[in-house]
Every structure is written in structure tokens, then in C-alpha cells.
Amino acid sequence: MLEKIQAAASQIGAVVVGKHPQIRLALACFLARGHLLIEDLPGVGKTTLAHTLSITLGLGFRRVQFTNDLLPADITGVSIFDREQSRFVFHPGPVFSQVLLADEINRASPKTQSALLEAMEERQVSVDGVPHPLPDPFFVIATQNPQDQIGTFPLPESQLDRFLMCVELGYPDPKSERALLEGDDRRNLIDKLQPRLKPADMLAVQAQVRTVHASPSLLDYLQNLLTHSRRSASLAEGLSPRAGLALLQAARAWALLDGRNHVLPDDLQAVMVGVAGHRLRPAKGSATTYRARAELVAELIKAVAVP
């Protein structure tokens, strides 16, 4: 199964060139049963990554373009009265897919953004008091533009916390950009992609992630990171217990991608920026950019000794 996942990563990397670390983080996020937030400028490949990932993993894909007039029912679905049946019939929205791309999520109003909260946390949608389970696996990939762009609504902390990881793609390096310029159109490449795995394969690997061993000393290191974040004078607030569980699960997925059945401190450090960056705020000023948040995480890692 590991060979299949590595083949999937290679296929994604052939389309989204020069972004191996981000691709691996995205795969780890999915294997850990989390949701992914991609924060960057328009045009750097956020949508391409989401589409390529879903096809390669053999999962159903739906895209919703978030705008300021988008309503919650446009995402979750709506009940419509059927005269022939004399009852309301639920018509599922695009959230009922295995991979949902919430494109430019921070261009929608906070009310619409919150429509995803229950889906991401409970993996179900309640309409008119009736719960409707979502497909399994279920993976939300949301993209957002930098907060200083016109027409954006910052995601509240409760919404950010639902995302296991937040990553940034950034501009390609010169070699990768040259490959983009000289190669085929990305849409043509996506049309030619073939699934490398099946949904049943993904569920099996997700179950395997939970069996990756974390030693007591590794848990000590994780607890020390959490404790230091809560006591640090440079941070407005520390990492929550949910963040600690997210770090552990992401590190397990990262270790599994390396073919190991145990977690190392290096695994925690590898996923730390993606998992903790969007959950930390400086005590003074603000860290609105991905790089600024990465610096906060780097200081936290440096301040805690590895056992």
C-alpha cells in the first residue's frame, strides 16, 4: 500500500511541479482524516493541487466557488416540498462529496463559512433537524486569499481550528516554473490522470495511521511543546488539547509515509508549521502571513529540547 501512495505522490508531483513538501503535507493531512486549508495568492496552483489529489486518490470531487452572496443552503442542500409525495424531499448540496473544494472560502460571509463547521467536525449535515451523513472518506480542501486583499472575511478561530493543516504553495522555483512554461497545459494533464488508489484503500490506510506507535518519551516531547506554547510570553495563547491531538495524528501519518510504524520527534517538527501555525498568535502585533506564523513555530521548536 505504501508503494501505491508513493506512486500517487509522484503523479501529483508531475502536475503540481516543485511542491513536494506541500504535496506530502496534503497527503498526510488526508491520511490523518483532517481537512486542509491552502493560503496563497491566486494563480499559484491551489485548485490544481486539489483537483489532482482527488483524481489520483480515486475520490469524487466537487468544487464550490465561495462568493459574498453564497448561502449556507448552496453548500449543504435544501428540502423542497414534493407535491406528488406530499412531503419535503431533501436535495443534497455539493458538500456530499468525498472531496469538497471550498475555493476562496474567505470571500463568503461568516454565516456561510460556518455552514461547513458541522460537516467538518461531525461529518454530517443537519437540515430541518434531520442529520444526513456525509460520504466516507470526506475531505475538505479550502483555499483562501491573503487577508489584505479586497473582499475577504477573516476566518474565525473556531473555523480555523477545524482545519488540521494550513499550507502555503508559494511561487515556483525557476526550474519548476520553466517546466510549467514548456510543458502541457495543466488542464490537459489533469484530464489524462488515472486513479492510483480506491476509496477502500484510503480508508484502510487511514485506519493504519491510528496504529502507528507513539512512545512515552515522544508524548513527553509533545506535551512539552504544548506547555511551552501556553507559558510563552511571546504568544497570545497556547495550543489547545485539540491541537495536540492534531499534531500527534499528523505526525503518525507523516511517519507512515516514511514507511515507519513509530513516530519520531522529526515527524512532529515536520508537521508543526502546517498544524500549529494557524493556531498561534503573537502576544504583540499580528502574524497575518504564513511566513510570520512559521517563524512563531520555529521559535517554539527551538525553545523546547528534544528528549
C-alpha atoms as a PDB file:
ATOM      1  CA  MET A   1       0.000   0.000   0.000  1.00  0.00           C
ATOM      2  CA  LEU A   2       2.898   2.345   0.726  1.00  0.00           C
ATOM      3  CA  GLU A   3       4.120   1.877  -2.839  1.00  0.00           C
ATOM      4  CA  LYS A   4       0.700   2.941  -4.135  1.00  0.00           C
ATOM      5  CA  ILE A   5       0.774   6.079  -2.007  1.00  0.00           C
ATOM      6  CA  GLN A   6       4.270   6.924  -3.210  1.00  0.00           C
ATOM      7  CA  ALA A   7       3.106   6.409  -6.800  1.00  0.00           C
ATOM      8  CA  ALA A   8       0.180   8.724  -6.080  1.00  0.00           C
ATOM      9  CA  ALA A   9       2.548  11.379  -4.731  1.00  0.00           C
ATOM     10  CA  SER A  10       4.700  11.077  -7.848  1.00  0.00           C
ATOM     11  CA  GLN A  11       1.687  11.518 -10.107  1.00  0.00           C
ATOM     12  CA  ILE A  12       0.551  14.607  -8.214  1.00  0.00           C
ATOM     13  CA  GLY A  13       4.085  15.981  -8.359  1.00  0.00           C
ATOM     14  CA  ALA A  14       4.126  15.592 -12.141  1.00  0.00           C
ATOM     15  CA  VAL A  15       1.239  18.070 -12.367  1.00  0.00           C
ATOM     16  CA  VAL A  16       1.978  20.335  -9.393  1.00  0.00           C
ATOM     17  CA  VAL A  17       5.691  20.642 -10.047  1.00  0.00           C
ATOM     18  CA  GLY A  18       8.255  21.712  -7.476  1.00  0.00           C
ATOM     19  CA  LYS A  19       5.901  21.356  -4.493  1.00  0.00           C
ATOM     20  CA  HIS A  20       6.923  18.017  -2.989  1.00  0.00           C
ATOM     21  CA  PRO A  21       6.792  19.175   0.682  1.00  0.00           C
ATOM     22  CA  GLN A  22       3.293  20.648   0.243  1.00  0.00           C
ATOM     23  CA  ILE A  23       2.067  17.543  -1.589  1.00  0.00           C
ATOM     24  CA  ARG A  24       3.346  15.325   1.190  1.00  0.00           C
ATOM     25  CA  LEU A  25       1.693  17.515   3.820  1.00  0.00           C
ATOM     26  CA  ALA A  26      -1.592  17.323   1.899  1.00  0.00           C
ATOM     27  CA  LEU A  27      -1.374  13.524   1.768  1.00  0.00           C
ATOM     28  CA  ALA A  28      -0.524  13.349   5.474  1.00  0.00           C
ATOM     29  CA  CYS A  29      -3.474  15.610   6.247  1.00  0.00           C
ATOM     30  CA  PHE A  30      -5.833  13.328   4.341  1.00  0.00           C
ATOM     31  CA  LEU A  31      -4.430  10.135   5.874  1.00  0.00           C
ATOM     32  CA  ALA A  32      -4.894  11.687   9.328  1.00  0.00           C
ATOM     33  CA  ARG A  33      -8.598  12.272   8.490  1.00  0.00           C
ATOM     34  CA  GLY A  34      -8.157  16.018   8.687  1.00  0.00           C
ATOM     35  CA  HIS A  35      -9.051  18.949   6.445  1.00  0.00           C
ATOM     36  CA  LEU A  36      -6.661  21.185   4.557  1.00  0.00           C
ATOM     37  CA  LEU A  37      -6.522  24.974   4.204  1.00  0.00           C
ATOM     38  CA  ILE A  38      -4.315  26.365   1.426  1.00  0.00           C
ATOM     39  CA  GLU A  39      -3.488  30.035   1.836  1.00  0.00           C
ATOM     40  CA  ASP A  40      -1.858  31.888  -1.032  1.00  0.00           C
ATOM     41  CA  LEU A  41      -2.230  34.316  -3.904  1.00  0.00           C
ATOM     42  CA  PRO A  42      -4.489  33.461  -6.853  1.00  0.00           C
ATOM     43  CA  GLY A  43      -2.826  31.557  -9.659  1.00  0.00           C
ATOM     44  CA  VAL A  44      -0.175  29.540  -7.822  1.00  0.00           C
ATOM     45  CA  GLY A  45      -1.875  26.145  -8.207  1.00  0.00           C
ATOM     46  CA  LYS A  46      -4.215  25.755  -5.222  1.00  0.00           C
ATOM     47  CA  THR A  47      -7.161  24.468  -7.272  1.00  0.00           C
ATOM     48  CA  THR A  48      -4.873  22.341  -9.433  1.00  0.00           C
ATOM     49  CA  LEU A  49      -3.499  20.595  -6.345  1.00  0.00           C
ATOM     50  CA  ALA A  50      -6.993  19.873  -5.009  1.00  0.00           C
ATOM     51  CA  HIS A  51      -8.270  18.502  -8.310  1.00  0.00           C
ATOM     52  CA  THR A  52      -5.168  16.414  -8.966  1.00  0.00           C
ATOM     53  CA  LEU A  53      -5.218  14.995  -5.436  1.00  0.00           C
ATOM     54  CA  SER A  54      -8.854  13.875  -5.687  1.00  0.00           C
ATOM     55  CA  ILE A  55      -8.423  12.171  -9.073  1.00  0.00           C
ATOM     56  CA  THR A  56      -5.201  10.437  -8.048  1.00  0.00           C
ATOM     57  CA  LEU A  57      -6.786   9.067  -4.860  1.00  0.00           C
ATOM     58  CA  GLY A  58      -9.844   7.877  -6.786  1.00  0.00           C
ATOM     59  CA  LEU A  59     -12.281  10.123  -4.927  1.00  0.00           C
ATOM     60  CA  GLY A  60     -15.352  12.040  -6.049  1.00  0.00           C
ATOM     61  CA  PHE A  61     -14.709  15.763  -6.384  1.00  0.00           C
ATOM     62  CA  ARG A  62     -16.965  18.823  -6.161  1.00  0.00           C
ATOM     63  CA  ARG A  63     -15.985  22.476  -6.225  1.00  0.00           C
ATOM     64  CA  VAL A  64     -17.835  25.445  -4.711  1.00  0.00           C
ATOM     65  CA  GLN A  65     -16.741  28.961  -5.572  1.00  0.00           C
ATOM     66  CA  PHE A  66     -17.296  30.995  -2.419  1.00  0.00           C
ATOM     67  CA  THR A  67     -18.643  34.493  -3.038  1.00  0.00           C
ATOM     68  CA  ASN A  68     -20.164  37.129  -0.782  1.00  0.00           C
ATOM     69  CA  ASP A  69     -23.714  36.188  -1.879  1.00  0.00           C
ATOM     70  CA  LEU A  70     -23.307  32.423  -1.349  1.00  0.00           C
ATOM     71  CA  LEU A  71     -25.862  30.988   1.097  1.00  0.00           C
ATOM     72  CA  PRO A  72     -25.420  28.054   3.512  1.00  0.00           C
ATOM     73  CA  ALA A  73     -28.077  26.069   1.633  1.00  0.00           C
ATOM     74  CA  ASP A  74     -25.972  26.393  -1.521  1.00  0.00           C
ATOM     75  CA  ILE A  75     -23.420  24.180   0.225  1.00  0.00           C
ATOM     76  CA  THR A  76     -25.418  21.809   2.422  1.00  0.00           C
ATOM     77  CA  GLY A  77     -28.557  21.375   0.327  1.00  0.00           C
ATOM     78  CA  VAL A  78     -32.207  22.194   0.835  1.00  0.00           C
ATOM     79  CA  SER A  79     -35.549  20.473   1.465  1.00  0.00           C
ATOM     80  CA  ILE A  80     -38.152  21.120  -1.225  1.00  0.00           C
ATOM     81  CA  PHE A  81     -41.818  20.191  -0.980  1.00  0.00           C
ATOM     82  CA  ASP A  82     -42.795  17.405  -3.397  1.00  0.00           C
ATOM     83  CA  ARG A  83     -46.469  17.582  -4.284  1.00  0.00           C
ATOM     84  CA  GLU A  84     -46.629  14.032  -5.591  1.00  0.00           C
ATOM     85  CA  GLN A  85     -45.231  12.617  -2.363  1.00  0.00           C
ATOM     86  CA  SER A  86     -46.875  15.290  -0.176  1.00  0.00           C
ATOM     87  CA  ARG A  87     -43.706  15.752   1.820  1.00  0.00           C
ATOM     88  CA  PHE A  88     -40.433  17.644   1.853  1.00  0.00           C
ATOM     89  CA  VAL A  89     -37.620  15.929  -0.032  1.00  0.00           C
ATOM     90  CA  PHE A  90     -34.002  16.721   0.759  1.00  0.00           C
ATOM     91  CA  HIS A  91     -31.810  17.651  -2.203  1.00  0.00           C
ATOM     92  CA  PRO A  92     -28.125  17.227  -1.198  1.00  0.00           C
ATOM     93  CA  GLY A  93     -25.704  20.070  -1.841  1.00  0.00           C
ATOM     94  CA  PRO A  94     -22.131  19.818  -3.106  1.00  0.00           C
ATOM     95  CA  VAL A  95     -20.840  19.064   0.399  1.00  0.00           C
ATOM     96  CA  PHE A  96     -22.000  15.490  -0.203  1.00  0.00           C
ATOM     97  CA  SER A  97     -18.821  14.505  -1.997  1.00  0.00           C
ATOM     98  CA  GLN A  98     -15.669  12.727  -0.940  1.00  0.00           C
ATOM     99  CA  VAL A  99     -13.501  15.761  -1.684  1.00  0.00           C
ATOM    100  CA  LEU A 100     -15.008  19.237  -1.450  1.00  0.00           C
ATOM    101  CA  LEU A 101     -13.019  22.190  -2.718  1.00  0.00           C
ATOM    102  CA  ALA A 102     -14.167  25.348  -0.943  1.00  0.00           C
ATOM    103  CA  ASP A 103     -12.494  27.801  -3.298  1.00  0.00           C
ATOM    104  CA  GLU A 104     -11.666  31.230  -1.841  1.00  0.00           C
ATOM    105  CA  ILE A 105     -13.547  30.408   1.351  1.00  0.00           C
ATOM    106  CA  ASN A 106     -12.781  33.771   2.932  1.00  0.00           C
ATOM    107  CA  ARG A 107     -14.738  35.639   0.244  1.00  0.00           C
ATOM    108  CA  ALA A 108     -18.001  34.295   1.689  1.00  0.00           C
ATOM    109  CA  SER A 109     -19.792  35.764   4.691  1.00  0.00           C
ATOM    110  CA  PRO A 110     -19.102  34.307   8.163  1.00  0.00           C
ATOM    111  CA  LYS A 111     -22.593  32.743   8.182  1.00  0.00           C
ATOM    112  CA  THR A 112     -21.824  30.794   5.029  1.00  0.00           C
ATOM    113  CA  GLN A 113     -18.362  29.849   6.257  1.00  0.00           C
ATOM    114  CA  SER A 114     -19.920  28.368   9.386  1.00  0.00           C
ATOM    115  CA  ALA A 115     -22.099  26.071   7.253  1.00  0.00           C
ATOM    116  CA  LEU A 116     -19.049  23.842   6.931  1.00  0.00           C
ATOM    117  CA  LEU A 117     -18.413  23.593  10.684  1.00  0.00           C
ATOM    118  CA  GLU A 118     -20.727  20.668  11.382  1.00  0.00           C
ATOM    119  CA  ALA A 119     -19.725  18.902   8.181  1.00  0.00           C
ATOM    120  CA  MET A 120     -16.025  19.113   9.000  1.00  0.00           C
ATOM    121  CA  GLU A 121     -16.356  18.160  12.656  1.00  0.00           C
ATOM    122  CA  GLU A 122     -19.266  15.722  12.760  1.00  0.00           C
ATOM    123  CA  ARG A 123     -19.074  14.520   9.136  1.00  0.00           C
ATOM    124  CA  GLN A 124     -22.782  15.061   8.759  1.00  0.00           C
ATOM    125  CA  VAL A 125     -25.181  17.842   7.794  1.00  0.00           C
ATOM    126  CA  SER A 126     -28.391  18.660   9.661  1.00  0.00           C
ATOM    127  CA  VAL A 127     -31.190  20.197   7.616  1.00  0.00           C
ATOM    128  CA  ASP A 128     -34.564  20.904   9.258  1.00  0.00           C
ATOM    129  CA  GLY A 129     -33.397  18.936  12.269  1.00  0.00           C
ATOM    130  CA  VAL A 130     -32.632  15.785  10.268  1.00  0.00           C
ATOM    131  CA  PRO A 131     -28.984  14.591  10.189  1.00  0.00           C
ATOM    132  CA  HIS A 132     -27.596  13.429   6.859  1.00  0.00           C
ATOM    133  CA  PRO A 133     -24.282  11.518   6.980  1.00  0.00           C
ATOM    134  CA  LEU A 134     -21.544  12.540   4.564  1.00  0.00           C
ATOM    135  CA  PRO A 135     -19.518  10.116   2.401  1.00  0.00           C
ATOM    136  CA  ASP A 136     -16.559   8.314   3.897  1.00  0.00           C
ATOM    137  CA  PRO A 137     -13.823   9.320   3.309  1.00  0.00           C
ATOM    138  CA  PHE A 138     -14.708  13.017   3.456  1.00  0.00           C
ATOM    139  CA  PHE A 139     -12.036  15.648   2.903  1.00  0.00           C
ATOM    140  CA  VAL A 140     -12.406  19.426   2.697  1.00  0.00           C
ATOM    141  CA  ILE A 141      -9.761  21.406   0.862  1.00  0.00           C
ATOM    142  CA  ALA A 142     -10.335  25.120   1.300  1.00  0.00           C
ATOM    143  CA  THR A 143      -8.356  27.880  -0.352  1.00  0.00           C
ATOM    144  CA  GLN A 144      -8.137  31.426   0.881  1.00  0.00           C
ATOM    145  CA  ASN A 145      -6.538  34.591  -0.402  1.00  0.00           C
ATOM    146  CA  PRO A 146      -4.301  36.741   1.814  1.00  0.00           C
ATOM    147  CA  GLN A 147      -6.352  38.812   4.261  1.00  0.00           C
ATOM    148  CA  ASP A 148      -5.090  42.112   2.873  1.00  0.00           C
ATOM    149  CA  GLN A 149      -6.898  41.518  -0.429  1.00  0.00           C
ATOM    150  CA  ILE A 150     -10.174  43.332  -1.092  1.00  0.00           C
ATOM    151  CA  GLY A 151     -13.420  41.489  -0.371  1.00  0.00           C
ATOM    152  CA  THR A 152     -12.198  38.937   2.174  1.00  0.00           C
ATOM    153  CA  PHE A 153     -13.693  37.956   5.534  1.00  0.00           C
ATOM    154  CA  PRO A 154     -11.136  36.548   8.009  1.00  0.00           C
ATOM    155  CA  LEU A 155     -11.940  33.013   9.134  1.00  0.00           C
ATOM    156  CA  PRO A 156     -12.856  32.928  12.837  1.00  0.00           C
ATOM    157  CA  GLU A 157     -10.701  30.881  15.200  1.00  0.00           C
ATOM    158  CA  SER A 158     -13.413  28.229  15.542  1.00  0.00           C
ATOM    159  CA  GLN A 159     -13.369  27.692  11.788  1.00  0.00           C
ATOM    160  CA  LEU A 160      -9.577  27.698  11.531  1.00  0.00           C
ATOM    161  CA  ASP A 161      -9.366  25.081  14.266  1.00  0.00           C
ATOM    162  CA  ARG A 162     -11.384  22.664  12.126  1.00  0.00           C
ATOM    163  CA  PHE A 163      -8.550  22.542   9.618  1.00  0.00           C
ATOM    164  CA  LEU A 164      -5.897  20.044  10.614  1.00  0.00           C
ATOM    165  CA  MET A 165      -3.335  21.828   8.446  1.00  0.00           C
ATOM    166  CA  CYS A 166      -2.753  25.138   6.722  1.00  0.00           C
ATOM    167  CA  VAL A 167      -0.107  25.249   3.998  1.00  0.00           C
ATOM    168  CA  GLU A 168       1.221  27.773   1.512  1.00  0.00           C
ATOM    169  CA  LEU A 169       2.269  26.859  -2.027  1.00  0.00           C
ATOM    170  CA  GLY A 170       4.234  29.980  -2.918  1.00  0.00           C
ATOM    171  CA  TYR A 171       5.813  30.849  -6.232  1.00  0.00           C
ATOM    172  CA  PRO A 172       7.616  28.034  -8.080  1.00  0.00           C
ATOM    173  CA  ASP A 173      11.375  27.920  -8.222  1.00  0.00           C
ATOM    174  CA  PRO A 174      12.940  28.862 -11.590  1.00  0.00           C
ATOM    175  CA  LYS A 175      13.402  25.248 -12.724  1.00  0.00           C
ATOM    176  CA  SER A 176       9.801  24.305 -11.900  1.00  0.00           C
ATOM    177  CA  GLU A 177       8.418  27.449 -13.492  1.00  0.00           C
ATOM    178  CA  ARG A 178      10.368  26.694 -16.679  1.00  0.00           C
ATOM    179  CA  ALA A 179       8.806  23.225 -16.700  1.00  0.00           C
ATOM    180  CA  LEU A 180       5.385  24.850 -16.415  1.00  0.00           C
ATOM    181  CA  LEU A 181       6.096  27.196 -19.305  1.00  0.00           C
ATOM    182  CA  GLU A 182       7.475  24.486 -21.572  1.00  0.00           C
ATOM    183  CA  GLY A 183       5.048  21.700 -20.603  1.00  0.00           C
ATOM    184  CA  ASP A 184       1.444  20.916 -21.438  1.00  0.00           C
ATOM    185  CA  ASP A 185      -1.452  22.891 -20.057  1.00  0.00           C
ATOM    186  CA  ARG A 186      -2.275  21.742 -16.527  1.00  0.00           C
ATOM    187  CA  ARG A 187      -5.921  21.122 -17.509  1.00  0.00           C
ATOM    188  CA  ASN A 188      -4.809  18.721 -20.237  1.00  0.00           C
ATOM    189  CA  LEU A 189      -2.601  16.881 -17.770  1.00  0.00           C
ATOM    190  CA  ILE A 190      -5.442  16.590 -15.270  1.00  0.00           C
ATOM    191  CA  ASP A 191      -7.755  15.154 -17.944  1.00  0.00           C
ATOM    192  CA  LYS A 192      -5.230  12.384 -18.596  1.00  0.00           C
ATOM    193  CA  LEU A 193      -4.809  11.374 -14.947  1.00  0.00           C
ATOM    194  CA  GLN A 194      -5.797   7.914 -13.764  1.00  0.00           C
ATOM    195  CA  PRO A 195      -6.681   6.935 -10.167  1.00  0.00           C
ATOM    196  CA  ARG A 196      -3.823   5.302  -8.283  1.00  0.00           C
ATOM    197  CA  LEU A 197      -5.923   4.182  -5.335  1.00  0.00           C
ATOM    198  CA  LYS A 198      -9.526   3.389  -4.457  1.00  0.00           C
ATOM    199  CA  PRO A 199     -11.665   4.806  -1.625  1.00  0.00           C
ATOM    200  CA  ALA A 200     -11.403   1.459   0.174  1.00  0.00           C
ATOM    201  CA  ASP A 201      -7.605   1.721   0.013  1.00  0.00           C
ATOM    202  CA  MET A 202      -7.708   5.168   1.578  1.00  0.00           C
ATOM    203  CA  LEU A 203      -9.953   4.006   4.413  1.00  0.00           C
ATOM    204  CA  ALA A 204      -7.560   1.128   5.114  1.00  0.00           C
ATOM    205  CA  VAL A 205      -4.545   3.447   5.252  1.00  0.00           C
ATOM    206  CA  GLN A 206      -6.397   5.928   7.456  1.00  0.00           C
ATOM    207  CA  ALA A 207      -7.113   3.080   9.879  1.00  0.00           C
ATOM    208  CA  GLN A 208      -3.446   2.067   9.752  1.00  0.00           C
ATOM    209  CA  VAL A 209      -2.350   5.588  10.722  1.00  0.00           C
ATOM    210  CA  ARG A 210      -4.064   5.200  14.088  1.00  0.00           C
ATOM    211  CA  THR A 211      -1.900   2.150  14.849  1.00  0.00           C
ATOM    212  CA  VAL A 212       1.438   3.971  14.419  1.00  0.00           C
ATOM    213  CA  HIS A 213       3.180   3.844  17.806  1.00  0.00           C
ATOM    214  CA  ALA A 214       3.994   6.946  19.831  1.00  0.00           C
ATOM    215  CA  SER A 215       6.397   6.210  22.691  1.00  0.00           C
ATOM    216  CA  PRO A 216       6.076   7.783  26.153  1.00  0.00           C
ATOM    217  CA  SER A 217       9.164   9.933  25.501  1.00  0.00           C
ATOM    218  CA  LEU A 218       7.605  11.180  22.253  1.00  0.00           C
ATOM    219  CA  LEU A 219       4.429  12.097  24.129  1.00  0.00           C
ATOM    220  CA  ASP A 220       6.593  13.878  26.718  1.00  0.00           C
ATOM    221  CA  TYR A 221       8.131  15.954  23.926  1.00  0.00           C
ATOM    222  CA  LEU A 222       4.700  16.761  22.527  1.00  0.00           C
ATOM    223  CA  GLN A 223       3.423  17.791  25.948  1.00  0.00           C
ATOM    224  CA  ASN A 224       6.459  19.994  26.484  1.00  0.00           C
ATOM    225  CA  LEU A 225       5.727  21.770  23.192  1.00  0.00           C
ATOM    226  CA  LEU A 226       2.115  22.328  24.220  1.00  0.00           C
ATOM    227  CA  THR A 227       3.062  23.524  27.692  1.00  0.00           C
ATOM    228  CA  HIS A 228       5.716  25.937  26.432  1.00  0.00           C
ATOM    229  CA  SER A 229       3.268  27.444  23.934  1.00  0.00           C
ATOM    230  CA  ARG A 230       0.863  28.171  26.799  1.00  0.00           C
ATOM    231  CA  ARG A 231       3.521  29.736  29.018  1.00  0.00           C
ATOM    232  CA  SER A 232       5.438  31.660  26.372  1.00  0.00           C
ATOM    233  CA  ALA A 233       5.312  35.432  26.793  1.00  0.00           C
ATOM    234  CA  SER A 234       5.651  35.874  23.031  1.00  0.00           C
ATOM    235  CA  LEU A 235       2.366  34.094  22.281  1.00  0.00           C
ATOM    236  CA  ALA A 236      -1.115  35.452  22.946  1.00  0.00           C
ATOM    237  CA  GLU A 237      -2.454  31.993  23.696  1.00  0.00           C
ATOM    238  CA  GLY A 238      -1.132  28.453  23.636  1.00  0.00           C
ATOM    239  CA  LEU A 239      -2.038  25.352  21.702  1.00  0.00           C
ATOM    240  CA  SER A 240      -5.233  23.615  22.787  1.00  0.00           C
ATOM    241  CA  PRO A 241      -5.621  19.894  23.595  1.00  0.00           C
ATOM    242  CA  ARG A 242      -7.291  19.521  20.191  1.00  0.00           C
ATOM    243  CA  ALA A 243      -4.163  20.970  18.598  1.00  0.00           C
ATOM    244  CA  GLY A 244      -2.072  18.417  20.497  1.00  0.00           C
ATOM    245  CA  LEU A 245      -4.200  15.559  19.174  1.00  0.00           C
ATOM    246  CA  ALA A 246      -3.934  17.023  15.677  1.00  0.00           C
ATOM    247  CA  LEU A 247      -0.144  17.201  15.935  1.00  0.00           C
ATOM    248  CA  LEU A 248       0.067  13.588  17.061  1.00  0.00           C
ATOM    249  CA  GLN A 249      -2.225  12.299  14.325  1.00  0.00           C
ATOM    250  CA  ALA A 250      -0.442  14.281  11.619  1.00  0.00           C
ATOM    251  CA  ALA A 251       2.949  13.046  12.867  1.00  0.00           C
ATOM    252  CA  ARG A 252       1.676   9.460  12.732  1.00  0.00           C
ATOM    253  CA  ALA A 253       0.608   9.966   9.112  1.00  0.00           C
ATOM    254  CA  TRP A 254       3.985  11.531   8.289  1.00  0.00           C
ATOM    255  CA  ALA A 255       5.795   8.552   9.828  1.00  0.00           C
ATOM    256  CA  LEU A 256       3.628   6.131   7.842  1.00  0.00           C
ATOM    257  CA  LEU A 257       4.538   7.930   4.616  1.00  0.00           C
ATOM    258  CA  ASP A 258       8.163   7.167   5.544  1.00  0.00           C
ATOM    259  CA  GLY A 259       7.280   3.506   5.974  1.00  0.00           C
ATOM    260  CA  ARG A 260       7.707   3.518   9.755  1.00  0.00           C
ATOM    261  CA  ASN A 261       5.358   2.205  12.433  1.00  0.00           C
ATOM    262  CA  HIS A 262       6.581   4.616  15.117  1.00  0.00           C
ATOM    263  CA  VAL A 263       6.721   8.392  15.480  1.00  0.00           C
ATOM    264  CA  LEU A 264       9.977  10.325  15.817  1.00  0.00           C
ATOM    265  CA  PRO A 265      10.472  13.892  17.083  1.00  0.00           C
ATOM    266  CA  ASP A 266      11.424  14.776  13.498  1.00  0.00           C
ATOM    267  CA  ASP A 267       7.901  13.823  12.419  1.00  0.00           C
ATOM    268  CA  LEU A 268       6.376  16.257  14.900  1.00  0.00           C
ATOM    269  CA  GLN A 269       8.705  19.000  13.747  1.00  0.00           C
ATOM    270  CA  ALA A 270       7.940  18.277  10.073  1.00  0.00           C
ATOM    271  CA  VAL A 271       4.199  18.841  10.505  1.00  0.00           C
ATOM    272  CA  MET A 272       4.453  21.527  13.195  1.00  0.00           C
ATOM    273  CA  VAL A 273       4.183  24.569  10.922  1.00  0.00           C
ATOM    274  CA  GLY A 274       1.247  23.109   8.996  1.00  0.00           C
ATOM    275  CA  VAL A 275      -0.675  22.046  12.101  1.00  0.00           C
ATOM    276  CA  ALA A 276       0.228  24.741  14.654  1.00  0.00           C
ATOM    277  CA  GLY A 277       0.939  27.828  12.542  1.00  0.00           C
ATOM    278  CA  HIS A 278      -2.683  28.883  12.009  1.00  0.00           C
ATOM    279  CA  ARG A 279      -3.478  28.198  15.673  1.00  0.00           C
ATOM    280  CA  LEU A 280      -0.863  30.543  17.149  1.00  0.00           C
ATOM    281  CA  ARG A 281      -0.970  34.323  17.563  1.00  0.00           C
ATOM    282  CA  PRO A 282       1.824  36.590  18.788  1.00  0.00           C
ATOM    283  CA  ALA A 283       1.325  38.449  22.072  1.00  0.00           C
ATOM    284  CA  LYS A 284       2.131  41.739  20.359  1.00  0.00           C
ATOM    285  CA  GLY A 285       1.241  42.729  16.839  1.00  0.00           C
ATOM    286  CA  SER A 286      -0.171  40.226  14.375  1.00  0.00           C
ATOM    287  CA  ALA A 287       1.080  37.394  12.214  1.00  0.00           C
ATOM    288  CA  THR A 288      -1.187  37.597   9.197  1.00  0.00           C
ATOM    289  CA  THR A 289       1.205  35.963   6.733  1.00  0.00           C
ATOM    290  CA  TYR A 290       2.139  32.315   6.537  1.00  0.00           C
ATOM    291  CA  ARG A 291       5.839  33.114   6.891  1.00  0.00           C
ATOM    292  CA  ALA A 292       5.260  35.113  10.067  1.00  0.00           C
ATOM    293  CA  ARG A 293       3.369  32.202  11.604  1.00  0.00           C
ATOM    294  CA  ALA A 294       6.119  29.830  10.520  1.00  0.00           C
ATOM    295  CA  GLU A 295       8.599  31.950  12.463  1.00  0.00           C
ATOM    296  CA  LEU A 296       6.471  31.609  15.599  1.00  0.00           C
ATOM    297  CA  VAL A 297       6.516  27.843  15.232  1.00  0.00           C
ATOM    298  CA  ALA A 298      10.270  27.815  14.602  1.00  0.00           C
ATOM    299  CA  GLU A 299      10.834  29.728  17.842  1.00  0.00           C
ATOM    300  CA  LEU A 300       8.623  27.265  19.700  1.00  0.00           C
ATOM    301  CA  ILE A 301      10.527  24.251  18.337  1.00  0.00           C
ATOM    302  CA  LYS A 302      13.859  25.877  19.172  1.00  0.00           C
ATOM    303  CA  ALA A 303      12.798  26.610  22.744  1.00  0.00           C
ATOM    304  CA  VAL A 304      11.878  23.011  23.617  1.00  0.00           C
ATOM    305  CA  ALA A 305      14.612  20.391  23.958  1.00  0.00           C
ATOM    306  CA  VAL A 306      14.245  17.098  22.127  1.00  0.00           C
ATOM    307  CA  PRO A 307      14.319  14.144  24.570  1.00  0.00           C
END
